[in-house]
Amino acid sequence: MRLRHLFVFIFLVGFLTSCKTQKINREEIINHKLADALLWKVEGKDLKTPSYVFGTIHIIPEDDYFLPDGTLTALDQSKQVYFEIDMKDMTDIGQQMGLLKSAFMKDGKGLKDLISEEDYDLVKAHFDKMGLPLFLFEKMKPMFLTVFASSDFDPNGIQTGELKSYEMEIYEIANRGNKETGGLETIDYQLGLFDSIPYTDQAKMLVESIKNGDIAGDQFKETIDLYKSQNITSMADLSGSGDENLGQYEDILLVQRNKNWIPVMSELMGKGTSFFAVGAGHLGGPNGVIKLLMMEGYTLSPIKSL
């Protein structure tokens, strides 16, 4: 019995000591200023080979597209390439039909049920100006409508080459290299996030964005400028508080997702060199992927273009 008590005592002392050390390390990591870099090497802990984390921007004009030095080498060295969601699903017709179905509000609600007649006329006029008949989209979740309402939205931009998708470009590189590809979360999970935000709040964001002209390109240009300077800290700030209404849901849309990814990434890195391509807004900040991996005991080093 005494031996058992001794074991419990030793365990508690060790546990409390480790907690204290972990707290100090956590504070150091939180206060650590991250370098401006989109590409990071992950080493240490129990990894036999390094892995890589790369910050993407989902859509960017062709003239602004670039890959930082070392990106192609990191991709070539990687055994597997993972995105936020499995890119194979984005090229599958069946999955796309399911995506379209999930884009609509439940219970047959429409935009007219969520906003005043005056605000509805404002939204309709904006869509008419873009040549998009609102009656085709008004039952979609308002956050999807915000995407369509953006002046930067061009469904033909990718096909014409005027716009590029980092995910699609990296996916093609991975396929040419016969790399295993996958996703850190499912499409269903991502779409479910929209259902976590009341439709009335989503509609309010849509209306205020049109009124304030936020979707006229200014924020898009700011995002691109930050991306080209590889300023992941400011991009994280913009992702979390770029919309004062959306900011209250930062934990749902950003923080919790980052935390969910860490054990998945750890498991994949343990199997071999991995390349993770996720939105650059997920990298920086105290709850960003970079610092969360550091808190798990990994060493992360920026690979910065000259």
C-alpha atoms as a PDB file:
ATOM      1  CA  MET A   1       0.000   0.000   0.000  1.00  0.00           C
ATOM      2  CA  ARG A   2       2.824   2.373   0.877  1.00  0.00           C
ATOM      3  CA  LEU A   3       4.499   1.646  -2.461  1.00  0.00           C
ATOM      4  CA  ARG A   4       1.278   2.518  -4.190  1.00  0.00           C
ATOM      5  CA  HIS A   5       1.066   5.806  -2.304  1.00  0.00           C
ATOM      6  CA  LEU A   6       4.674   6.528  -3.220  1.00  0.00           C
ATOM      7  CA  PHE A   7       3.932   5.858  -6.892  1.00  0.00           C
ATOM      8  CA  VAL A   8       0.937   8.216  -6.817  1.00  0.00           C
ATOM      9  CA  PHE A   9       3.035  10.880  -5.110  1.00  0.00           C
ATOM     10  CA  ILE A  10       5.839  10.597  -7.687  1.00  0.00           C
ATOM     11  CA  PHE A  11       3.294  10.656 -10.520  1.00  0.00           C
ATOM     12  CA  LEU A  12       1.618  13.802  -9.178  1.00  0.00           C
ATOM     13  CA  VAL A  13       4.927  15.585  -8.636  1.00  0.00           C
ATOM     14  CA  GLY A  14       6.040  14.711 -12.160  1.00  0.00           C
ATOM     15  CA  PHE A  15       2.663  15.740 -13.594  1.00  0.00           C
ATOM     16  CA  LEU A  16       2.636  19.084 -11.820  1.00  0.00           C
ATOM     17  CA  THR A  17       6.231  19.784 -12.827  1.00  0.00           C
ATOM     18  CA  SER A  18       5.522  18.984 -16.473  1.00  0.00           C
ATOM     19  CA  CYS A  19       2.422  21.204 -16.386  1.00  0.00           C
ATOM     20  CA  LYS A  20       4.498  24.091 -15.077  1.00  0.00           C
ATOM     21  CA  THR A  21       7.121  23.583 -17.787  1.00  0.00           C
ATOM     22  CA  GLN A  22       4.448  23.305 -20.442  1.00  0.00           C
ATOM     23  CA  LYS A  23       2.893  26.555 -19.267  1.00  0.00           C
ATOM     24  CA  ILE A  24       6.208  28.406 -19.559  1.00  0.00           C
ATOM     25  CA  ASN A  25       6.803  26.996 -23.037  1.00  0.00           C
ATOM     26  CA  ARG A  26       3.270  27.865 -24.071  1.00  0.00           C
ATOM     27  CA  GLU A  27       3.735  31.481 -23.015  1.00  0.00           C
ATOM     28  CA  GLU A  28       7.034  31.681 -24.878  1.00  0.00           C
ATOM     29  CA  ILE A  29       5.434  30.269 -28.010  1.00  0.00           C
ATOM     30  CA  ILE A  30       2.431  32.600 -27.832  1.00  0.00           C
ATOM     31  CA  ASN A  31       4.723  35.632 -27.485  1.00  0.00           C
ATOM     32  CA  HIS A  32       7.113  34.419 -30.194  1.00  0.00           C
ATOM     33  CA  LYS A  33       7.035  36.650 -33.290  1.00  0.00           C
ATOM     34  CA  LEU A  34       6.640  34.567 -36.417  1.00  0.00           C
ATOM     35  CA  ALA A  35       8.669  35.334 -39.532  1.00  0.00           C
ATOM     36  CA  ASP A  36       6.940  36.457 -42.703  1.00  0.00           C
ATOM     37  CA  ALA A  37       6.964  33.166 -44.600  1.00  0.00           C
ATOM     38  CA  LEU A  38       4.385  30.993 -46.337  1.00  0.00           C
ATOM     39  CA  LEU A  39       6.495  27.814 -46.287  1.00  0.00           C
ATOM     40  CA  TRP A  40       7.584  26.180 -43.007  1.00  0.00           C
ATOM     41  CA  LYS A  41       9.636  23.070 -42.299  1.00  0.00           C
ATOM     42  CA  VAL A  42       8.417  20.833 -39.467  1.00  0.00           C
ATOM     43  CA  GLU A  43      11.030  18.795 -37.592  1.00  0.00           C
ATOM     44  CA  GLY A  44      11.740  17.380 -34.153  1.00  0.00           C
ATOM     45  CA  LYS A  45       9.687  15.428 -31.674  1.00  0.00           C
ATOM     46  CA  ASP A  46       9.571  11.858 -33.021  1.00  0.00           C
ATOM     47  CA  LEU A  47       9.743  12.663 -36.741  1.00  0.00           C
ATOM     48  CA  LYS A  48      12.228  10.639 -38.778  1.00  0.00           C
ATOM     49  CA  THR A  49      11.944  12.991 -41.748  1.00  0.00           C
ATOM     50  CA  PRO A  50      10.846  16.643 -41.996  1.00  0.00           C
ATOM     51  CA  SER A  51       7.435  17.723 -43.241  1.00  0.00           C
ATOM     52  CA  TYR A  52       6.187  21.039 -44.608  1.00  0.00           C
ATOM     53  CA  VAL A  53       3.308  23.479 -44.055  1.00  0.00           C
ATOM     54  CA  PHE A  54       2.421  25.921 -46.822  1.00  0.00           C
ATOM     55  CA  GLY A  55      -0.082  28.776 -46.705  1.00  0.00           C
ATOM     56  CA  THR A  56      -2.322  29.188 -49.738  1.00  0.00           C
ATOM     57  CA  ILE A  57      -4.706  31.824 -50.984  1.00  0.00           C
ATOM     58  CA  HIS A  58      -7.647  30.119 -52.632  1.00  0.00           C
ATOM     59  CA  ILE A  59      -7.985  32.487 -55.599  1.00  0.00           C
ATOM     60  CA  ILE A  60      -5.388  34.919 -56.937  1.00  0.00           C
ATOM     61  CA  PRO A  61      -4.922  36.806 -60.242  1.00  0.00           C
ATOM     62  CA  GLU A  62      -2.477  35.068 -62.566  1.00  0.00           C
ATOM     63  CA  ASP A  63      -0.047  38.016 -62.485  1.00  0.00           C
ATOM     64  CA  ASP A  64       0.212  37.776 -58.691  1.00  0.00           C
ATOM     65  CA  TYR A  65       0.707  34.004 -58.526  1.00  0.00           C
ATOM     66  CA  PHE A  66       4.085  32.798 -57.250  1.00  0.00           C
ATOM     67  CA  LEU A  67       5.651  29.925 -55.349  1.00  0.00           C
ATOM     68  CA  PRO A  68       8.232  30.825 -52.679  1.00  0.00           C
ATOM     69  CA  ASP A  69      11.735  29.401 -53.080  1.00  0.00           C
ATOM     70  CA  GLY A  70      11.876  25.835 -51.830  1.00  0.00           C
ATOM     71  CA  THR A  71       8.208  25.013 -52.416  1.00  0.00           C
ATOM     72  CA  LEU A  72       8.768  22.740 -55.408  1.00  0.00           C
ATOM     73  CA  THR A  73      11.653  21.022 -53.620  1.00  0.00           C
ATOM     74  CA  ALA A  74       9.462  20.451 -50.549  1.00  0.00           C
ATOM     75  CA  LEU A  75       6.721  19.010 -52.746  1.00  0.00           C
ATOM     76  CA  ASP A  76       9.200  16.754 -54.518  1.00  0.00           C
ATOM     77  CA  GLN A  77      10.512  15.435 -51.185  1.00  0.00           C
ATOM     78  CA  SER A  78       7.035  14.809 -49.794  1.00  0.00           C
ATOM     79  CA  LYS A  79       5.405  11.406 -49.828  1.00  0.00           C
ATOM     80  CA  GLN A  80       1.879  12.794 -49.449  1.00  0.00           C
ATOM     81  CA  VAL A  81       0.135  16.124 -50.016  1.00  0.00           C
ATOM     82  CA  TYR A  82      -2.865  17.118 -47.918  1.00  0.00           C
ATOM     83  CA  PHE A  83      -5.238  20.060 -48.272  1.00  0.00           C
ATOM     84  CA  GLU A  84      -8.045  21.397 -46.077  1.00  0.00           C
ATOM     85  CA  ILE A  85     -10.362  19.073 -47.987  1.00  0.00           C
ATOM     86  CA  ASP A  86      -9.602  16.246 -50.377  1.00  0.00           C
ATOM     87  CA  MET A  87      -9.156  17.856 -53.800  1.00  0.00           C
ATOM     88  CA  LYS A  88     -10.304  14.649 -55.470  1.00  0.00           C
ATOM     89  CA  ASP A  89     -13.762  15.399 -54.101  1.00  0.00           C
ATOM     90  CA  MET A  90     -13.715  18.807 -55.787  1.00  0.00           C
ATOM     91  CA  THR A  91     -13.245  17.186 -59.178  1.00  0.00           C
ATOM     92  CA  ASP A  92     -15.883  14.497 -58.614  1.00  0.00           C
ATOM     93  CA  ILE A  93     -19.280  15.250 -60.212  1.00  0.00           C
ATOM     94  CA  GLY A  94     -21.164  13.303 -57.542  1.00  0.00           C
ATOM     95  CA  GLN A  95     -19.475  15.247 -54.767  1.00  0.00           C
ATOM     96  CA  GLN A  96     -20.147  18.529 -56.554  1.00  0.00           C
ATOM     97  CA  MET A  97     -23.865  17.734 -56.740  1.00  0.00           C
ATOM     98  CA  GLY A  98     -23.841  17.021 -53.021  1.00  0.00           C
ATOM     99  CA  LEU A  99     -22.018  20.299 -52.460  1.00  0.00           C
ATOM    100  CA  LEU A 100     -24.684  22.186 -54.422  1.00  0.00           C
ATOM    101  CA  LYS A 101     -27.464  20.551 -52.390  1.00  0.00           C
ATOM    102  CA  SER A 102     -25.775  21.492 -49.112  1.00  0.00           C
ATOM    103  CA  ALA A 103     -25.439  25.100 -50.230  1.00  0.00           C
ATOM    104  CA  PHE A 104     -29.164  25.724 -49.765  1.00  0.00           C
ATOM    105  CA  MET A 105     -30.818  26.724 -46.514  1.00  0.00           C
ATOM    106  CA  LYS A 106     -32.852  24.190 -44.597  1.00  0.00           C
ATOM    107  CA  ASP A 107     -36.626  24.310 -44.204  1.00  0.00           C
ATOM    108  CA  GLY A 108     -37.022  26.029 -47.580  1.00  0.00           C
ATOM    109  CA  LYS A 109     -36.013  29.426 -46.216  1.00  0.00           C
ATOM    110  CA  GLY A 110     -35.153  32.204 -48.625  1.00  0.00           C
ATOM    111  CA  LEU A 111     -33.327  35.509 -48.376  1.00  0.00           C
ATOM    112  CA  LYS A 112     -36.672  37.361 -48.268  1.00  0.00           C
ATOM    113  CA  ASP A 113     -37.419  35.596 -44.969  1.00  0.00           C
ATOM    114  CA  LEU A 114     -34.272  37.000 -43.367  1.00  0.00           C
ATOM    115  CA  ILE A 115     -34.030  40.667 -44.343  1.00  0.00           C
ATOM    116  CA  SER A 116     -36.253  43.662 -44.909  1.00  0.00           C
ATOM    117  CA  GLU A 117     -37.793  44.404 -48.281  1.00  0.00           C
ATOM    118  CA  GLU A 118     -35.517  47.431 -48.627  1.00  0.00           C
ATOM    119  CA  ASP A 119     -32.394  45.348 -48.003  1.00  0.00           C
ATOM    120  CA  TYR A 120     -33.621  42.640 -50.359  1.00  0.00           C
ATOM    121  CA  ASP A 121     -34.014  45.219 -53.137  1.00  0.00           C
ATOM    122  CA  LEU A 122     -30.439  46.359 -52.424  1.00  0.00           C
ATOM    123  CA  VAL A 123     -29.090  42.813 -52.794  1.00  0.00           C
ATOM    124  CA  LYS A 124     -31.184  42.189 -55.906  1.00  0.00           C
ATOM    125  CA  ALA A 125     -29.914  45.364 -57.554  1.00  0.00           C
ATOM    126  CA  HIS A 126     -26.341  44.314 -56.819  1.00  0.00           C
ATOM    127  CA  PHE A 127     -26.869  40.887 -58.389  1.00  0.00           C
ATOM    128  CA  ASP A 128     -28.702  42.401 -61.379  1.00  0.00           C
ATOM    129  CA  LYS A 129     -25.718  44.679 -61.975  1.00  0.00           C
ATOM    130  CA  MET A 130     -23.485  41.610 -62.074  1.00  0.00           C
ATOM    131  CA  GLY A 131     -25.824  39.830 -64.486  1.00  0.00           C
ATOM    132  CA  LEU A 132     -26.800  37.195 -61.909  1.00  0.00           C
ATOM    133  CA  PRO A 133     -30.568  36.732 -61.405  1.00  0.00           C
ATOM    134  CA  LEU A 134     -31.072  36.601 -57.647  1.00  0.00           C
ATOM    135  CA  PHE A 135     -34.120  34.308 -57.849  1.00  0.00           C
ATOM    136  CA  LEU A 136     -31.747  31.470 -58.804  1.00  0.00           C
ATOM    137  CA  PHE A 137     -29.692  31.949 -55.645  1.00  0.00           C
ATOM    138  CA  GLU A 138     -31.990  33.449 -53.006  1.00  0.00           C
ATOM    139  CA  LYS A 139     -32.513  30.135 -51.188  1.00  0.00           C
ATOM    140  CA  MET A 140     -28.776  29.597 -50.830  1.00  0.00           C
ATOM    141  CA  LYS A 141     -27.095  30.137 -47.488  1.00  0.00           C
ATOM    142  CA  PRO A 142     -26.243  33.861 -47.353  1.00  0.00           C
ATOM    143  CA  MET A 143     -22.524  33.165 -46.855  1.00  0.00           C
ATOM    144  CA  PHE A 144     -22.509  31.482 -50.269  1.00  0.00           C
ATOM    145  CA  LEU A 145     -24.297  34.504 -51.704  1.00  0.00           C
ATOM    146  CA  THR A 146     -21.525  36.730 -50.357  1.00  0.00           C
ATOM    147  CA  VAL A 147     -19.062  34.768 -52.490  1.00  0.00           C
ATOM    148  CA  PHE A 148     -21.221  35.168 -55.593  1.00  0.00           C
ATOM    149  CA  ALA A 149     -21.796  38.848 -54.842  1.00  0.00           C
ATOM    150  CA  SER A 150     -18.094  39.656 -54.762  1.00  0.00           C
ATOM    151  CA  SER A 151     -16.849  41.600 -57.750  1.00  0.00           C
ATOM    152  CA  ASP A 152     -13.835  39.274 -57.687  1.00  0.00           C
ATOM    153  CA  PHE A 153     -16.057  36.260 -58.312  1.00  0.00           C
ATOM    154  CA  ASP A 154     -15.545  35.030 -61.834  1.00  0.00           C
ATOM    155  CA  PRO A 155     -16.665  31.452 -62.523  1.00  0.00           C
ATOM    156  CA  ASN A 156     -14.706  31.439 -65.779  1.00  0.00           C
ATOM    157  CA  GLY A 157     -11.545  33.004 -64.357  1.00  0.00           C
ATOM    158  CA  ILE A 158      -9.846  29.688 -63.584  1.00  0.00           C
ATOM    159  CA  GLN A 159     -10.647  28.255 -67.023  1.00  0.00           C
ATOM    160  CA  THR A 160      -9.420  31.328 -68.896  1.00  0.00           C
ATOM    161  CA  GLY A 161      -6.249  31.466 -66.798  1.00  0.00           C
ATOM    162  CA  GLU A 162      -6.944  34.975 -65.499  1.00  0.00           C
ATOM    163  CA  LEU A 163      -7.233  33.551 -61.996  1.00  0.00           C
ATOM    164  CA  LYS A 164      -5.305  30.744 -60.341  1.00  0.00           C
ATOM    165  CA  SER A 165      -6.137  28.451 -57.455  1.00  0.00           C
ATOM    166  CA  TYR A 166      -3.157  27.459 -55.320  1.00  0.00           C
ATOM    167  CA  GLU A 167      -4.946  24.292 -54.310  1.00  0.00           C
ATOM    168  CA  MET A 168      -5.523  23.235 -57.907  1.00  0.00           C
ATOM    169  CA  GLU A 169      -1.962  24.125 -58.946  1.00  0.00           C
ATOM    170  CA  ILE A 170      -0.429  22.151 -56.063  1.00  0.00           C
ATOM    171  CA  TYR A 171      -2.857  19.281 -56.627  1.00  0.00           C
ATOM    172  CA  GLU A 172      -1.734  19.029 -60.255  1.00  0.00           C
ATOM    173  CA  ILE A 173       1.926  19.041 -59.177  1.00  0.00           C
ATOM    174  CA  ALA A 174       1.181  16.283 -56.664  1.00  0.00           C
ATOM    175  CA  ASN A 175      -0.601  14.202 -59.292  1.00  0.00           C
ATOM    176  CA  ARG A 176       2.282  14.558 -61.738  1.00  0.00           C
ATOM    177  CA  GLY A 177       4.574  13.298 -58.985  1.00  0.00           C
ATOM    178  CA  ASN A 178       2.237  10.398 -58.154  1.00  0.00           C
ATOM    179  CA  LYS A 179       1.842  11.671 -54.605  1.00  0.00           C
ATOM    180  CA  GLU A 180      -0.847  10.476 -52.241  1.00  0.00           C
ATOM    181  CA  THR A 181      -3.370  13.278 -51.668  1.00  0.00           C
ATOM    182  CA  GLY A 182      -6.109  13.821 -49.135  1.00  0.00           C
ATOM    183  CA  GLY A 183      -7.884  16.264 -46.846  1.00  0.00           C
ATOM    184  CA  LEU A 184      -7.614  17.289 -43.202  1.00  0.00           C
ATOM    185  CA  GLU A 185     -11.399  17.568 -43.006  1.00  0.00           C
ATOM    186  CA  THR A 186     -14.407  16.672 -45.143  1.00  0.00           C
ATOM    187  CA  ILE A 187     -16.568  18.842 -47.377  1.00  0.00           C
ATOM    188  CA  ASP A 188     -19.560  17.936 -45.223  1.00  0.00           C
ATOM    189  CA  TYR A 189     -17.776  19.265 -42.156  1.00  0.00           C
ATOM    190  CA  GLN A 190     -16.894  22.546 -43.875  1.00  0.00           C
ATOM    191  CA  LEU A 191     -20.436  23.059 -45.117  1.00  0.00           C
ATOM    192  CA  GLY A 192     -21.771  22.196 -41.682  1.00  0.00           C
ATOM    193  CA  LEU A 193     -19.869  25.172 -40.299  1.00  0.00           C
ATOM    194  CA  PHE A 194     -22.241  27.484 -42.157  1.00  0.00           C
ATOM    195  CA  ASP A 195     -25.152  25.901 -40.295  1.00  0.00           C
ATOM    196  CA  SER A 196     -23.426  26.843 -37.022  1.00  0.00           C
ATOM    197  CA  ILE A 197     -23.952  30.511 -37.881  1.00  0.00           C
ATOM    198  CA  PRO A 198     -27.588  31.691 -37.817  1.00  0.00           C
ATOM    199  CA  TYR A 199     -28.909  32.494 -41.287  1.00  0.00           C
ATOM    200  CA  THR A 200     -30.064  35.897 -40.036  1.00  0.00           C
ATOM    201  CA  ASP A 201     -26.475  36.773 -39.071  1.00  0.00           C
ATOM    202  CA  GLN A 202     -25.205  35.512 -42.418  1.00  0.00           C
ATOM    203  CA  ALA A 203     -27.781  37.662 -44.212  1.00  0.00           C
ATOM    204  CA  LYS A 204     -26.777  40.684 -42.152  1.00  0.00           C
ATOM    205  CA  MET A 205     -23.152  40.185 -43.175  1.00  0.00           C
ATOM    206  CA  LEU A 206     -24.183  39.998 -46.839  1.00  0.00           C
ATOM    207  CA  VAL A 207     -26.223  43.201 -46.708  1.00  0.00           C
ATOM    208  CA  GLU A 208     -23.627  45.169 -44.750  1.00  0.00           C
ATOM    209  CA  SER A 209     -20.862  44.012 -47.086  1.00  0.00           C
ATOM    210  CA  ILE A 210     -22.768  45.356 -50.087  1.00  0.00           C
ATOM    211  CA  LYS A 211     -23.639  48.602 -48.289  1.00  0.00           C
ATOM    212  CA  ASN A 212     -20.056  49.187 -47.174  1.00  0.00           C
ATOM    213  CA  GLY A 213     -18.576  48.160 -50.504  1.00  0.00           C
ATOM    214  CA  ASP A 214     -16.347  45.603 -48.734  1.00  0.00           C
ATOM    215  CA  ILE A 215     -16.890  43.087 -51.505  1.00  0.00           C
ATOM    216  CA  ALA A 216     -15.915  45.570 -54.213  1.00  0.00           C
ATOM    217  CA  GLY A 217     -12.321  44.405 -54.175  1.00  0.00           C
ATOM    218  CA  ASP A 218     -10.553  46.500 -51.523  1.00  0.00           C
ATOM    219  CA  GLN A 219     -10.274  43.686 -48.992  1.00  0.00           C
ATOM    220  CA  PHE A 220      -9.360  41.230 -51.746  1.00  0.00           C
ATOM    221  CA  LYS A 221      -6.504  43.515 -52.841  1.00  0.00           C
ATOM    222  CA  GLU A 222      -5.364  43.926 -49.231  1.00  0.00           C
ATOM    223  CA  THR A 223      -5.347  40.148 -48.807  1.00  0.00           C
ATOM    224  CA  ILE A 224      -3.266  39.666 -51.957  1.00  0.00           C
ATOM    225  CA  ASP A 225      -0.765  42.342 -50.881  1.00  0.00           C
ATOM    226  CA  LEU A 226      -0.343  40.652 -47.495  1.00  0.00           C
ATOM    227  CA  TYR A 227      -0.016  37.276 -49.178  1.00  0.00           C
ATOM    228  CA  LYS A 228       2.695  38.447 -51.559  1.00  0.00           C
ATOM    229  CA  SER A 229       4.622  39.884 -48.601  1.00  0.00           C
ATOM    230  CA  GLN A 230       4.083  36.503 -46.862  1.00  0.00           C
ATOM    231  CA  ASN A 231       2.779  38.306 -43.770  1.00  0.00           C
ATOM    232  CA  ILE A 232       0.949  35.380 -42.163  1.00  0.00           C
ATOM    233  CA  THR A 233       0.433  37.229 -38.868  1.00  0.00           C
ATOM    234  CA  SER A 234      -1.560  40.026 -40.491  1.00  0.00           C
ATOM    235  CA  MET A 235      -3.411  37.512 -42.655  1.00  0.00           C
ATOM    236  CA  ALA A 236      -4.497  35.664 -39.518  1.00  0.00           C
ATOM    237  CA  ASP A 237      -5.710  38.957 -38.045  1.00  0.00           C
ATOM    238  CA  LEU A 238      -7.630  39.702 -41.240  1.00  0.00           C
ATOM    239  CA  SER A 239      -9.201  36.222 -41.277  1.00  0.00           C
ATOM    240  CA  GLY A 240     -10.308  36.537 -37.670  1.00  0.00           C
ATOM    241  CA  SER A 241     -11.557  40.103 -37.623  1.00  0.00           C
ATOM    242  CA  GLY A 242     -11.866  41.170 -41.249  1.00  0.00           C
ATOM    243  CA  ASP A 243     -15.651  41.262 -40.749  1.00  0.00           C
ATOM    244  CA  GLU A 244     -16.871  42.605 -37.413  1.00  0.00           C
ATOM    245  CA  ASN A 245     -19.958  40.391 -37.632  1.00  0.00           C
ATOM    246  CA  LEU A 246     -18.011  37.304 -38.632  1.00  0.00           C
ATOM    247  CA  GLY A 247     -15.445  37.907 -35.886  1.00  0.00           C
ATOM    248  CA  GLN A 248     -17.740  36.524 -33.204  1.00  0.00           C
ATOM    249  CA  TYR A 249     -17.641  33.157 -34.989  1.00  0.00           C
ATOM    250  CA  GLU A 250     -13.853  33.058 -35.274  1.00  0.00           C
ATOM    251  CA  ASP A 251     -13.618  30.092 -32.919  1.00  0.00           C
ATOM    252  CA  ILE A 252     -15.972  28.026 -35.096  1.00  0.00           C
ATOM    253  CA  LEU A 253     -14.554  28.993 -38.489  1.00  0.00           C
ATOM    254  CA  LEU A 254     -10.862  29.216 -37.657  1.00  0.00           C
ATOM    255  CA  VAL A 255      -9.583  28.258 -34.210  1.00  0.00           C
ATOM    256  CA  GLN A 256     -11.397  24.959 -33.674  1.00  0.00           C
ATOM    257  CA  ARG A 257     -10.596  23.804 -37.179  1.00  0.00           C
ATOM    258  CA  ASN A 258      -6.886  24.531 -36.605  1.00  0.00           C
ATOM    259  CA  LYS A 259      -6.973  22.492 -33.412  1.00  0.00           C
ATOM    260  CA  ASN A 260      -8.773  19.626 -35.150  1.00  0.00           C
ATOM    261  CA  TRP A 261      -6.064  19.440 -37.797  1.00  0.00           C
ATOM    262  CA  ILE A 262      -3.087  19.032 -35.431  1.00  0.00           C
ATOM    263  CA  PRO A 263      -3.604  15.359 -34.441  1.00  0.00           C
ATOM    264  CA  VAL A 264      -4.350  14.484 -38.076  1.00  0.00           C
ATOM    265  CA  MET A 265      -1.163  16.200 -39.209  1.00  0.00           C
ATOM    266  CA  SER A 266       0.855  14.512 -36.465  1.00  0.00           C
ATOM    267  CA  GLU A 267      -0.340  11.081 -37.551  1.00  0.00           C
ATOM    268  CA  LEU A 268       0.425  11.766 -41.219  1.00  0.00           C
ATOM    269  CA  MET A 269       3.883  13.205 -40.503  1.00  0.00           C
ATOM    270  CA  GLY A 270       4.684  10.076 -38.514  1.00  0.00           C
ATOM    271  CA  LYS A 271       4.142   8.019 -41.671  1.00  0.00           C
ATOM    272  CA  GLY A 272       6.576  10.027 -43.791  1.00  0.00           C
ATOM    273  CA  THR A 273       7.369  13.438 -45.226  1.00  0.00           C
ATOM    274  CA  SER A 274       4.106  15.315 -45.727  1.00  0.00           C
ATOM    275  CA  PHE A 275       3.196  18.601 -47.405  1.00  0.00           C
ATOM    276  CA  PHE A 276       0.187  20.448 -45.965  1.00  0.00           C
ATOM    277  CA  ALA A 277      -1.398  23.212 -48.061  1.00  0.00           C
ATOM    278  CA  VAL A 278      -3.972  25.213 -46.075  1.00  0.00           C
ATOM    279  CA  GLY A 279      -5.246  28.780 -46.201  1.00  0.00           C
ATOM    280  CA  ALA A 280      -2.541  31.228 -45.119  1.00  0.00           C
ATOM    281  CA  GLY A 281      -4.988  32.764 -42.637  1.00  0.00           C
ATOM    282  CA  HIS A 282      -4.748  29.526 -40.659  1.00  0.00           C
ATOM    283  CA  LEU A 283      -0.976  29.738 -40.134  1.00  0.00           C
ATOM    284  CA  GLY A 284      -0.329  32.809 -37.976  1.00  0.00           C
ATOM    285  CA  GLY A 285      -1.697  33.984 -34.633  1.00  0.00           C
ATOM    286  CA  PRO A 286      -1.624  32.380 -31.167  1.00  0.00           C
ATOM    287  CA  ASN A 287      -4.063  29.681 -32.286  1.00  0.00           C
ATOM    288  CA  GLY A 288      -2.620  29.273 -35.761  1.00  0.00           C
ATOM    289  CA  VAL A 289      -1.273  26.001 -37.124  1.00  0.00           C
ATOM    290  CA  ILE A 290       2.377  27.079 -36.721  1.00  0.00           C
ATOM    291  CA  LYS A 291       2.172  27.798 -33.005  1.00  0.00           C
ATOM    292  CA  LEU A 292      -0.165  24.883 -32.299  1.00  0.00           C
ATOM    293  CA  LEU A 293       2.429  22.520 -33.804  1.00  0.00           C
ATOM    294  CA  MET A 294       5.135  24.216 -31.741  1.00  0.00           C
ATOM    295  CA  MET A 295       3.066  23.591 -28.620  1.00  0.00           C
ATOM    296  CA  GLU A 296       2.993  19.910 -29.530  1.00  0.00           C
ATOM    297  CA  GLY A 297       6.791  19.857 -29.369  1.00  0.00           C
ATOM    298  CA  TYR A 298       7.663  20.243 -33.050  1.00  0.00           C
ATOM    299  CA  THR A 299      10.330  22.634 -34.314  1.00  0.00           C
ATOM    300  CA  LEU A 300       9.166  24.881 -37.140  1.00  0.00           C
ATOM    301  CA  SER A 301      11.530  26.877 -39.338  1.00  0.00           C
ATOM    302  CA  PRO A 302      10.508  29.414 -41.998  1.00  0.00           C
ATOM    303  CA  ILE A 303      11.708  28.914 -45.542  1.00  0.00           C
ATOM    304  CA  LYS A 304      11.679  32.437 -46.920  1.00  0.00           C
ATOM    305  CA  SER A 305      12.101  33.530 -50.531  1.00  0.00           C
ATOM    306  CA  LEU A 306      15.076  35.802 -51.170  1.00  0.00           C
END
